[in-house]
C-alpha atoms as a PDB file:
ATOM      1  CA  UNK A   1      -3.422  -3.412  22.940  1.00  0.00           C
ATOM      2  CA  UNK A   2      -4.278  -6.050  25.514  1.00  0.00           C
ATOM      3  CA  UNK A   3      -2.441  -6.922  28.698  1.00  0.00           C
ATOM      4  CA  UNK A   4      -0.610 -10.048  27.562  1.00  0.00           C
ATOM      5  CA  UNK A   5      -0.257  -9.956  23.783  1.00  0.00           C
ATOM      6  CA  UNK A   6       0.061  -7.348  21.059  1.00  0.00           C
ATOM      7  CA  UNK A   7      -2.616  -8.608  18.664  1.00  0.00           C
ATOM      8  CA  UNK A   8      -2.756  -8.189  14.909  1.00  0.00           C
ATOM      9  CA  UNK A   9      -5.010  -5.840  13.013  1.00  0.00           C
ATOM     10  CA  UNK A  10      -8.257  -6.921  11.332  1.00  0.00           C
ATOM     11  CA  UNK A  11      -8.137  -8.540   7.884  1.00  0.00           C
ATOM     12  CA  UNK A  12      -7.547  -6.160   4.976  1.00  0.00           C
ATOM     13  CA  UNK A  13      -9.492  -5.983   1.704  1.00  0.00           C
ATOM     14  CA  UNK A  14      -8.098  -8.099  -1.120  1.00  0.00           C
ATOM     15  CA  UNK A  15      -6.904  -5.106  -3.132  1.00  0.00           C
ATOM     16  CA  UNK A  16      -4.881  -3.806  -0.195  1.00  0.00           C
ATOM     17  CA  UNK A  17      -3.279  -7.207   0.348  1.00  0.00           C
ATOM     18  CA  UNK A  18      -2.379  -7.565  -3.301  1.00  0.00           C
ATOM     19  CA  UNK A  19      -0.747  -4.151  -3.115  1.00  0.00           C
ATOM     20  CA  UNK A  20       1.760  -5.593  -0.653  1.00  0.00           C
ATOM     21  CA  UNK A  21       0.209  -4.635   2.680  1.00  0.00           C
ATOM     22  CA  UNK A  22       1.085  -6.626   5.787  1.00  0.00           C
ATOM     23  CA  UNK A  23      -0.738  -9.914   6.275  1.00  0.00           C
ATOM     24  CA  UNK A  24      -3.312  -9.552   9.041  1.00  0.00           C
ATOM     25  CA  UNK A  25      -3.097 -12.123  11.797  1.00  0.00           C
ATOM     26  CA  UNK A  26       0.609 -12.560  11.120  1.00  0.00           C
ATOM     27  CA  UNK A  27       1.866 -12.833  14.664  1.00  0.00           C
ATOM     28  CA  UNK A  28       1.790 -11.998  18.342  1.00  0.00           C
ATOM     29  CA  UNK A  29       4.410 -10.450  20.585  1.00  0.00           C
ATOM     30  CA  UNK A  30       4.981 -11.666  24.154  1.00  0.00           C
ATOM     31  CA  UNK A  31       4.107  -9.415  27.085  1.00  0.00           C
ATOM     32  CA  UNK A  32       7.780  -9.201  28.142  1.00  0.00           C
ATOM     33  CA  UNK A  33       9.683  -7.552  25.298  1.00  0.00           C
ATOM     34  CA  UNK A  34      13.104  -6.961  26.884  1.00  0.00           C
ATOM     35  CA  UNK A  35      14.760  -8.333  30.016  1.00  0.00           C
ATOM     36  CA  UNK A  36      18.295  -7.839  31.264  1.00  0.00           C
ATOM     37  CA  UNK A  37      19.842  -9.659  34.235  1.00  0.00           C
ATOM     38  CA  UNK A  38      23.150  -8.694  35.830  1.00  0.00           C
ATOM     39  CA  UNK A  39      25.213 -10.612  38.409  1.00  0.00           C
ATOM     40  CA  UNK A  40      28.538  -9.620  39.969  1.00  0.00           C
ATOM     41  CA  UNK A  41      30.291  -9.330  43.330  1.00  0.00           C
ATOM     42  CA  UNK A  42      27.923  -6.575  44.390  1.00  0.00           C
ATOM     43  CA  UNK A  43      24.743  -8.613  43.882  1.00  0.00           C
ATOM     44  CA  UNK A  44      22.197  -9.733  41.322  1.00  0.00           C
ATOM     45  CA  UNK A  45      19.384  -7.733  39.718  1.00  0.00           C
ATOM     46  CA  UNK A  46      17.232  -7.344  36.641  1.00  0.00           C
ATOM     47  CA  UNK A  47      15.121  -4.967  34.554  1.00  0.00           C
ATOM     48  CA  UNK A  48      12.045  -6.021  32.574  1.00  0.00           C
ATOM     49  CA  UNK A  49       9.944  -4.099  30.061  1.00  0.00           C
ATOM     50  CA  UNK A  50       6.541  -4.862  28.570  1.00  0.00           C
ATOM     51  CA  UNK A  51       4.512  -4.827  25.364  1.00  0.00           C
ATOM     52  CA  UNK A  52       2.408  -1.817  26.368  1.00  0.00           C
ATOM     53  CA  UNK A  53       5.554   0.283  25.809  1.00  0.00           C
ATOM     54  CA  UNK A  54       5.791  -0.681  22.120  1.00  0.00           C
ATOM     55  CA  UNK A  55       4.809   1.835  19.445  1.00  0.00           C
ATOM     56  CA  UNK A  56       3.707   0.900  15.937  1.00  0.00           C
ATOM     57  CA  UNK A  57       5.115   2.886  13.003  1.00  0.00           C
ATOM     58  CA  UNK A  58       3.194   2.383   9.780  1.00  0.00           C
ATOM     59  CA  UNK A  59       5.903   3.949   7.573  1.00  0.00           C
ATOM     60  CA  UNK A  60       8.194   0.966   8.140  1.00  0.00           C
ATOM     61  CA  UNK A  61       5.658  -1.591   9.448  1.00  0.00           C
ATOM     62  CA  UNK A  62       7.532  -2.066  12.718  1.00  0.00           C
ATOM     63  CA  UNK A  63       6.773  -2.192  16.423  1.00  0.00           C
ATOM     64  CA  UNK A  64       9.527  -0.236  18.193  1.00  0.00           C
ATOM     65  CA  UNK A  65      10.708   0.482  21.735  1.00  0.00           C
ATOM     66  CA  UNK A  66      13.653   2.225  23.368  1.00  0.00           C
ATOM     67  CA  UNK A  67      14.857   2.912  26.893  1.00  0.00           C
ATOM     68  CA  UNK A  68      17.442   5.367  28.146  1.00  0.00           C
ATOM     69  CA  UNK A  69      19.757   5.401  31.159  1.00  0.00           C
ATOM     70  CA  UNK A  70      18.521   3.051  33.918  1.00  0.00           C
ATOM     71  CA  UNK A  71      20.351   1.617  36.914  1.00  0.00           C
ATOM     72  CA  UNK A  72      20.244  -2.129  37.447  1.00  0.00           C
ATOM     73  CA  UNK A  73      19.702  -2.608  41.176  1.00  0.00           C
ATOM     74  CA  UNK A  74      20.285  -5.629  43.359  1.00  0.00           C
ATOM     75  CA  UNK A  75      16.951  -7.431  43.732  1.00  0.00           C
ATOM     76  CA  UNK A  76      17.356  -7.663  47.526  1.00  0.00           C
ATOM     77  CA  UNK A  77      19.195  -4.535  48.669  1.00  0.00           C
ATOM     78  CA  UNK A  78      18.110  -2.096  45.955  1.00  0.00           C
ATOM     79  CA  UNK A  79      21.701  -0.891  45.532  1.00  0.00           C
ATOM     80  CA  UNK A  80      22.978  -0.207  41.981  1.00  0.00           C
ATOM     81  CA  UNK A  81      25.198  -2.967  40.629  1.00  0.00           C
ATOM     82  CA  UNK A  82      25.406  -2.090  36.893  1.00  0.00           C
ATOM     83  CA  UNK A  83      24.041   0.382  34.340  1.00  0.00           C
ATOM     84  CA  UNK A  84      21.860   0.036  31.272  1.00  0.00           C
ATOM     85  CA  UNK A  85      22.750   3.082  29.185  1.00  0.00           C
ATOM     86  CA  UNK A  86      20.363   2.360  26.333  1.00  0.00           C
ATOM     87  CA  UNK A  87      18.247  -0.448  24.886  1.00  0.00           C
ATOM     88  CA  UNK A  88      16.320  -0.651  21.620  1.00  0.00           C
ATOM     89  CA  UNK A  89      13.962  -3.197  20.085  1.00  0.00           C
ATOM     90  CA  UNK A  90      12.316  -3.326  16.664  1.00  0.00           C
ATOM     91  CA  UNK A  91       9.951  -6.105  15.583  1.00  0.00           C
ATOM     92  CA  UNK A  92       8.361  -6.868  12.224  1.00  0.00           C
ATOM     93  CA  UNK A  93       5.500  -9.219  13.055  1.00  0.00           C
ATOM     94  CA  UNK A  94       3.436  -8.606   9.881  1.00  0.00           C
ATOM     95  CA  UNK A  95       5.781  -9.391   6.979  1.00  0.00           C
ATOM     96  CA  UNK A  96       4.933  -8.757   3.349  1.00  0.00           C
ATOM     97  CA  UNK A  97       5.963 -11.125   0.531  1.00  0.00           C
ATOM     98  CA  UNK A  98       9.181  -9.137   0.172  1.00  0.00           C
ATOM     99  CA  UNK A  99      10.180  -8.738   3.838  1.00  0.00           C
ATOM    100  CA  UNK A 100      10.846 -11.170   6.707  1.00  0.00           C
ATOM    101  CA  UNK A 101       9.696 -11.624  10.244  1.00  0.00           C
ATOM    102  CA  UNK A 102      12.407  -9.746  12.121  1.00  0.00           C
ATOM    103  CA  UNK A 103      13.776  -8.913  15.585  1.00  0.00           C
ATOM    104  CA  UNK A 104      16.402  -6.151  15.902  1.00  0.00           C
ATOM    105  CA  UNK A 105      17.917  -5.761  19.361  1.00  0.00           C
ATOM    106  CA  UNK A 106      20.414  -3.150  20.553  1.00  0.00           C
ATOM    107  CA  UNK A 107      22.039  -2.236  23.860  1.00  0.00           C
ATOM    108  CA  UNK A 108      24.714  -0.184  25.615  1.00  0.00           C
ATOM    109  CA  UNK A 109      25.687  -0.831  29.249  1.00  0.00           C
ATOM    110  CA  UNK A 110      28.337  -0.603  31.956  1.00  0.00           C
ATOM    111  CA  UNK A 111      29.639  -3.366  34.197  1.00  0.00           C
ATOM    112  CA  UNK A 112      29.721  -2.891  37.951  1.00  0.00           C
ATOM    113  CA  UNK A 113      32.770  -2.652  40.192  1.00  0.00           C
ATOM    114  CA  UNK A 114      33.537  -6.314  39.567  1.00  0.00           C
ATOM    115  CA  UNK A 115      33.314  -8.557  36.518  1.00  0.00           C
ATOM    116  CA  UNK A 116      29.629  -8.650  35.559  1.00  0.00           C
ATOM    117  CA  UNK A 117      27.641 -11.424  33.911  1.00  0.00           C
ATOM    118  CA  UNK A 118      24.850 -10.062  31.704  1.00  0.00           C
ATOM    119  CA  UNK A 119      21.918 -11.914  30.179  1.00  0.00           C
ATOM    120  CA  UNK A 120      19.621 -10.140  27.712  1.00  0.00           C
ATOM    121  CA  UNK A 121      16.361 -11.573  26.386  1.00  0.00           C
ATOM    122  CA  UNK A 122      14.188 -10.298  23.527  1.00  0.00           C
ATOM    123  CA  UNK A 123      10.462 -10.638  23.013  1.00  0.00           C
ATOM    124  CA  UNK A 124       9.056 -13.891  21.641  1.00  0.00           C
ATOM    125  CA  UNK A 125       7.500 -13.368  18.204  1.00  0.00           C
ATOM    126  CA  UNK A 126       4.959 -16.120  17.511  1.00  0.00           C
ATOM    127  CA  UNK A 127       3.638 -16.689  13.983  1.00  0.00           C
ATOM    128  CA  UNK A 128      -0.120 -17.115  13.570  1.00  0.00           C
ATOM    129  CA  UNK A 129       0.538 -20.004  11.149  1.00  0.00           C
ATOM    130  CA  UNK A 130       3.716 -22.095  11.569  1.00  0.00           C
ATOM    131  CA  UNK A 131       5.990 -22.001   8.529  1.00  0.00           C
ATOM    132  CA  UNK A 132       6.728 -25.448   7.011  1.00  0.00           C
ATOM    133  CA  UNK A 133      10.228 -26.373   5.791  1.00  0.00           C
ATOM    134  CA  UNK A 134       9.095 -26.028   2.186  1.00  0.00           C
ATOM    135  CA  UNK A 135       8.677 -22.282   2.743  1.00  0.00           C
ATOM    136  CA  UNK A 136      12.088 -21.904   4.409  1.00  0.00           C
ATOM    137  CA  UNK A 137      14.580 -23.073   1.808  1.00  0.00           C
ATOM    138  CA  UNK A 138      17.555 -20.889   0.923  1.00  0.00           C
ATOM    139  CA  UNK A 139      18.949 -18.848  -0.642  1.00  0.00           C
ATOM    140  CA  UNK A 140      15.769 -16.749  -0.996  1.00  0.00           C
ATOM    141  CA  UNK A 141      14.111 -17.969   2.207  1.00  0.00           C
ATOM    142  CA  UNK A 142      15.003 -19.344   5.641  1.00  0.00           C
ATOM    143  CA  UNK A 143      16.929 -17.550   8.379  1.00  0.00           C
ATOM    144  CA  UNK A 144      19.768 -15.085   8.739  1.00  0.00           C
ATOM    145  CA  UNK A 145      21.326 -13.158  11.620  1.00  0.00           C
ATOM    146  CA  UNK A 146      24.073 -10.669  12.333  1.00  0.00           C
ATOM    147  CA  UNK A 147      25.661  -9.176  15.442  1.00  0.00           C
ATOM    148  CA  UNK A 148      28.101  -6.314  16.002  1.00  0.00           C
ATOM    149  CA  UNK A 149      29.446  -6.093  19.563  1.00  0.00           C
ATOM    150  CA  UNK A 150      31.884  -3.620  21.090  1.00  0.00           C
ATOM    151  CA  UNK A 151      33.751  -2.824  24.304  1.00  0.00           C
ATOM    152  CA  UNK A 152      35.432   0.299  25.662  1.00  0.00           C
ATOM    153  CA  UNK A 153      38.021   0.397  28.413  1.00  0.00           C
ATOM    154  CA  UNK A 154      36.937   2.901  31.073  1.00  0.00           C
ATOM    155  CA  UNK A 155      39.708   2.486  33.674  1.00  0.00           C
ATOM    156  CA  UNK A 156      43.000   2.155  31.813  1.00  0.00           C
ATOM    157  CA  UNK A 157      43.566  -1.600  32.109  1.00  0.00           C
ATOM    158  CA  UNK A 158      41.926  -2.991  28.973  1.00  0.00           C
ATOM    159  CA  UNK A 159      38.429  -4.388  28.420  1.00  0.00           C
ATOM    160  CA  UNK A 160      36.915  -7.706  27.439  1.00  0.00           C
ATOM    161  CA  UNK A 161      33.461  -9.018  26.548  1.00  0.00           C
ATOM    162  CA  UNK A 162      33.412 -12.832  26.605  1.00  0.00           C
ATOM    163  CA  UNK A 163      30.448 -15.073  25.824  1.00  0.00           C
ATOM    164  CA  UNK A 164      29.289 -17.304  28.652  1.00  0.00           C
ATOM    165  CA  UNK A 165      28.732 -21.008  28.062  1.00  0.00           C
ATOM    166  CA  UNK A 166      30.848 -23.624  26.262  1.00  0.00           C
ATOM    167  CA  UNK A 167      34.083 -22.581  24.567  1.00  0.00           C
ATOM    168  CA  UNK A 168      33.394 -21.073  21.165  1.00  0.00           C
ATOM    169  CA  UNK A 169      29.779 -20.174  21.870  1.00  0.00           C
ATOM    170  CA  UNK A 170      28.740 -16.768  20.579  1.00  0.00           C
ATOM    171  CA  UNK A 171      27.500 -14.068  22.942  1.00  0.00           C
ATOM    172  CA  UNK A 172      24.524 -13.442  20.614  1.00  0.00           C
ATOM    173  CA  UNK A 173      22.036 -16.310  20.251  1.00  0.00           C
ATOM    174  CA  UNK A 174      19.160 -16.588  17.756  1.00  0.00           C
ATOM    175  CA  UNK A 175      16.490 -19.207  18.523  1.00  0.00           C
ATOM    176  CA  UNK A 176      13.306 -20.609  17.022  1.00  0.00           C
ATOM    177  CA  UNK A 177      10.549 -22.863  18.405  1.00  0.00           C
ATOM    178  CA  UNK A 178      11.082 -21.652  21.956  1.00  0.00           C
ATOM    179  CA  UNK A 179      11.661 -18.472  23.931  1.00  0.00           C
ATOM    180  CA  UNK A 180      15.332 -17.749  24.581  1.00  0.00           C
ATOM    181  CA  UNK A 181      17.157 -19.333  26.381  1.00  0.00           C
ATOM    182  CA  UNK A 182      14.865 -22.241  25.409  1.00  0.00           C
ATOM    183  CA  UNK A 183      14.237 -23.286  21.815  1.00  0.00           C
ATOM    184  CA  UNK A 184      16.344 -24.532  18.921  1.00  0.00           C
ATOM    185  CA  UNK A 185      19.563 -22.686  18.188  1.00  0.00           C
ATOM    186  CA  UNK A 186      19.666 -21.086  14.738  1.00  0.00           C
ATOM    187  CA  UNK A 187      23.123 -19.577  15.263  1.00  0.00           C
ATOM    188  CA  UNK A 188      25.408 -18.010  17.884  1.00  0.00           C
ATOM    189  CA  UNK A 189      27.674 -15.103  16.929  1.00  0.00           C
ATOM    190  CA  UNK A 190      30.715 -13.197  18.323  1.00  0.00           C
ATOM    191  CA  UNK A 191      32.512 -15.112  21.057  1.00  0.00           C
ATOM    192  CA  UNK A 192      35.051 -12.507  22.199  1.00  0.00           C
ATOM    193  CA  UNK A 193      35.654  -8.757  21.929  1.00  0.00           C
ATOM    194  CA  UNK A 194      38.735  -7.085  23.435  1.00  0.00           C
ATOM    195  CA  UNK A 195      40.226  -3.603  23.749  1.00  0.00           C
ATOM    196  CA  UNK A 196      43.610  -2.401  24.981  1.00  0.00           C
ATOM    197  CA  UNK A 197      44.150   0.175  27.743  1.00  0.00           C
ATOM    198  CA  UNK A 198      42.239   3.374  27.002  1.00  0.00           C
ATOM    199  CA  UNK A 199      40.816   2.073  23.734  1.00  0.00           C
ATOM    200  CA  UNK A 200      37.770   0.422  22.172  1.00  0.00           C
ATOM    201  CA  UNK A 201      37.328  -2.777  20.193  1.00  0.00           C
ATOM    202  CA  UNK A 202      34.610  -4.429  18.159  1.00  0.00           C
ATOM    203  CA  UNK A 203      33.683  -7.589  16.293  1.00  0.00           C
ATOM    204  CA  UNK A 204      30.990  -8.387  13.731  1.00  0.00           C
ATOM    205  CA  UNK A 205      29.665 -11.683  12.415  1.00  0.00           C
ATOM    206  CA  UNK A 206      27.036 -12.398   9.778  1.00  0.00           C
ATOM    207  CA  UNK A 207      25.315 -15.721   9.118  1.00  0.00           C
ATOM    208  CA  UNK A 208      25.303 -16.335   6.267  1.00  0.00           C
ATOM    209  CA  UNK A 209      27.282 -13.680   4.460  1.00  0.00           C
ATOM    210  CA  UNK A 210      25.819 -11.554   1.700  1.00  0.00           C
ATOM    211  CA  UNK A 211      22.117 -11.356   0.883  1.00  0.00           C
ATOM    212  CA  UNK A 212      21.363 -15.084   1.092  1.00  0.00           C
ATOM    213  CA  UNK A 213      19.319 -16.917   3.713  1.00  0.00           C
ATOM    214  CA  UNK A 214      20.054 -20.330   5.267  1.00  0.00           C
ATOM    215  CA  UNK A 215      17.495 -23.125   4.904  1.00  0.00           C
ATOM    216  CA  UNK A 216      15.620 -24.267   8.010  1.00  0.00           C
ATOM    217  CA  UNK A 217      14.582 -27.905   7.638  1.00  0.00           C
ATOM    218  CA  UNK A 218      11.820 -27.984  10.211  1.00  0.00           C
ATOM    219  CA  UNK A 219       8.501 -26.237  10.796  1.00  0.00           C
ATOM    220  CA  UNK A 220       9.039 -22.924  12.593  1.00  0.00           C
ATOM    221  CA  UNK A 221       6.368 -21.462  14.891  1.00  0.00           C
ATOM    222  CA  UNK A 222       8.211 -18.585  16.591  1.00  0.00           C
ATOM    223  CA  UNK A 223      11.500 -16.741  17.015  1.00  0.00           C
ATOM    224  CA  UNK A 224      13.446 -14.948  19.746  1.00  0.00           C
ATOM    225  CA  UNK A 225      16.972 -13.779  20.497  1.00  0.00           C
ATOM    226  CA  UNK A 226      19.248 -13.038  23.417  1.00  0.00           C
ATOM    227  CA  UNK A 227      22.781 -12.477  24.638  1.00  0.00           C
ATOM    228  CA  UNK A 228      24.918 -13.853  27.426  1.00  0.00           C
ATOM    229  CA  UNK A 229      28.384 -12.526  28.274  1.00  0.00           C
ATOM    230  CA  UNK A 230      30.773 -11.383  30.978  1.00  0.00           C
ATOM    231  CA  UNK A 231      32.141  -7.822  30.909  1.00  0.00           C
ATOM    232  CA  UNK A 232      35.262  -6.674  32.740  1.00  0.00           C
ATOM    233  CA  UNK A 233      34.860  -4.376  35.804  1.00  0.00           C
ATOM    234  CA  UNK A 234      33.790  -0.785  35.159  1.00  0.00           C
ATOM    235  CA  UNK A 235      33.950  -1.129  31.377  1.00  0.00           C
ATOM    236  CA  UNK A 236      31.228  -0.513  28.800  1.00  0.00           C
ATOM    237  CA  UNK A 237      29.778  -2.865  26.223  1.00  0.00           C
ATOM    238  CA  UNK A 238      27.368  -2.366  23.353  1.00  0.00           C
ATOM    239  CA  UNK A 239      25.792  -4.177  20.467  1.00  0.00           C
ATOM    240  CA  UNK A 240      23.427  -4.084  17.508  1.00  0.00           C
ATOM    241  CA  UNK A 241      21.865  -7.335  16.316  1.00  0.00           C
ATOM    242  CA  UNK A 242      19.323  -8.554  13.781  1.00  0.00           C
ATOM    243  CA  UNK A 243      17.515 -11.880  13.283  1.00  0.00           C
ATOM    244  CA  UNK A 244      15.250 -12.592  10.313  1.00  0.00           C
ATOM    245  CA  UNK A 245      13.069 -15.472   9.177  1.00  0.00           C
ATOM    246  CA  UNK A 246      11.900 -15.133   5.585  1.00  0.00           C
ATOM    247  CA  UNK A 247       9.101 -17.272   4.119  1.00  0.00           C
ATOM    248  CA  UNK A 248       9.619 -18.210   0.466  1.00  0.00           C
ATOM    249  CA  UNK A 249       8.330 -15.067  -1.314  1.00  0.00           C
ATOM    250  CA  UNK A 250       6.144 -16.706  -3.989  1.00  0.00           C
ATOM    251  CA  UNK A 251       4.568 -19.174  -1.552  1.00  0.00           C
ATOM    252  CA  UNK A 252       4.004 -16.420   0.985  1.00  0.00           C
ATOM    253  CA  UNK A 253       2.327 -14.226  -1.614  1.00  0.00           C
ATOM    254  CA  UNK A 254      -0.060 -17.083  -2.411  1.00  0.00           C
ATOM    255  CA  UNK A 255      -0.777 -17.460   1.297  1.00  0.00           C
ATOM    256  CA  UNK A 256      -1.572 -13.737   1.556  1.00  0.00           C
ATOM    257  CA  UNK A 257      -4.026 -13.940  -1.358  1.00  0.00           C
ATOM    258  CA  UNK A 258      -5.582 -17.122   0.018  1.00  0.00           C
ATOM    259  CA  UNK A 259      -6.212 -15.549   3.417  1.00  0.00           C
ATOM    260  CA  UNK A 260      -7.753 -12.477   1.809  1.00  0.00           C
ATOM    261  CA  UNK A 261     -10.052 -14.548  -0.424  1.00  0.00           C
ATOM    262  CA  UNK A 262     -11.181 -16.575   2.570  1.00  0.00           C
ATOM    263  CA  UNK A 263     -11.942 -13.384   4.449  1.00  0.00           C
ATOM    264  CA  UNK A 264     -14.029 -12.044   1.552  1.00  0.00           C
ATOM    265  CA  UNK A 265     -16.070 -15.253   1.354  1.00  0.00           C
ATOM    266  CA  UNK A 266     -16.852 -14.919   5.044  1.00  0.00           C
END
């Protein structure tokens, strides 16, 4: 693993590729894989984590990372202003003809003593070869995303997680052709989650529903995801999210074979 990018493995023999192995050279992962920023009445701070912390697991063809309890400190004073209880990241950067490029992002955190604005940013997954619109037509190909967010009241006065930005914007944002918060919006999900005194609440959205994908009518070179929301003082928030971009299976299988044949000729 190099300092700035997680690079793909060397090209595989044709027989291995035809057996459904991951396509070599399928993508790179940015050096920053997870960043969280917090701002409230006590200050402003951030945490950032890097690609050298990722671990590859061959059994599910994923790069994975997790982080436990960590204080978010004010960038100037060093005083704690919020808590990151847990964060997880899973990336499929080497899809097979039957599985998509994918970013799964999870978190659990606590607001500070005052209402806290959180911003969370995933890694940028860049494809080695941009995917043309012809390979991204639903329902078998294209994009899909889902987000499940929750809140828990910790001080007896109710809790609320509200997306920042224009009215109706979702707290979870999936992007392509740019690193969140830049890029083109694929979808935003879950605008508001509330809980009464002493209780918890949750909300889930899927786009689209079921097993289908939504067509993307432009060439796609990369994908990323993030969240932006305000959480009420002292309360906890959590979420699990997934974002997938699936090349058209038959066309992708042909691409896999073509790359392998080219490698053999060389």
